[in-house]
Amino acid sequence: MVKNNKFKILVISPLFYPQVGGAQQHMEDLHVFLMKKHPEIEVNVLCYQTKRSLKTERYRGMNIYRLKCWNILPGQFALPDMISLFSFLWKKRNSYDLIHCNTRFFDSSWWAPLYAKLIGKKIILTDHCASNPVHPNRMINLIANLLDLTIARLALRSFDKVYSISKATKNFLKDSYVIDSVLNPGGVNLSVFKSGRIVRKNPVVIFIGRIIDTKGVKMLFQAAVKFPQNNFIFVGEGPLLSNLKQQ
């Protein structure tokens, strides 16, 4: 039964506002747009307290609930405090009509399908990754790939529907996991751009994101070195930043 005539969605994304990232921003904008188009929909977000932020907060029309956690890889992977997690899931077991998970790499995409089955709710996943995990530390890279090829592979089959944000992701899921996902590309908020055309003699390439291996930053930096006549701008923070600055 839907209370107050609202269709309630629980978004589970361990990394979320104020944690900055492309996948988080996609989920944020998607659900804000959804609520704007469909006022009968209410969205709550369950995430981890990866930064100094409030445990509960009202943000862009969504209620955000943040759980205590351990930052295993800051900005990339965290694990929740299990007591806080179980407490939230038990209290909210009858509160939502649909569960939406973000990215197969997160631990939430492994346990959330089981939770959804236990409470009898539909669950979907939006995946952003067109490759297995990449990390400069060989041990971390090995463990991450092992998890992706075992637990994540099994979990993917437990979702009622899997969405991919790009053709590359869709093809990867099909080829690597035999998952026929639904292509749902991310949109662009044109209101944040100023109108007008700037004509430049040489192209300007801008990278905006976390300065980490998985984003292909090293490859783009090599291109910048190879084509010095063009302008390359890197915007972001991450473990590779100091090394690129030295180069």
Foldseek 3Di string as FASTA:
>chain_A
DAPPLAAEEEEEEQAEPVLDFDQRVLVVVVVLVVCVVPVSYAYEYEYAPLDPDDQWDQDSRYIYGHAYWACPDRSPAIGGDVVRVVVVLVVCLPPHQEYEYEALLYVCLQCVLVSCVVSVHAYEYEHEDLDQDDAPDPVVSVVSNVCCLPRSLVSLVSHPAYEYQDPSNQVSCCVRNVHRHHHDHGDDDCVVDDDDDDDDPAEEAEAEGEPGVRVVNVVVLVVCVVCVVHHYYYHHYYDCVVVSVVD
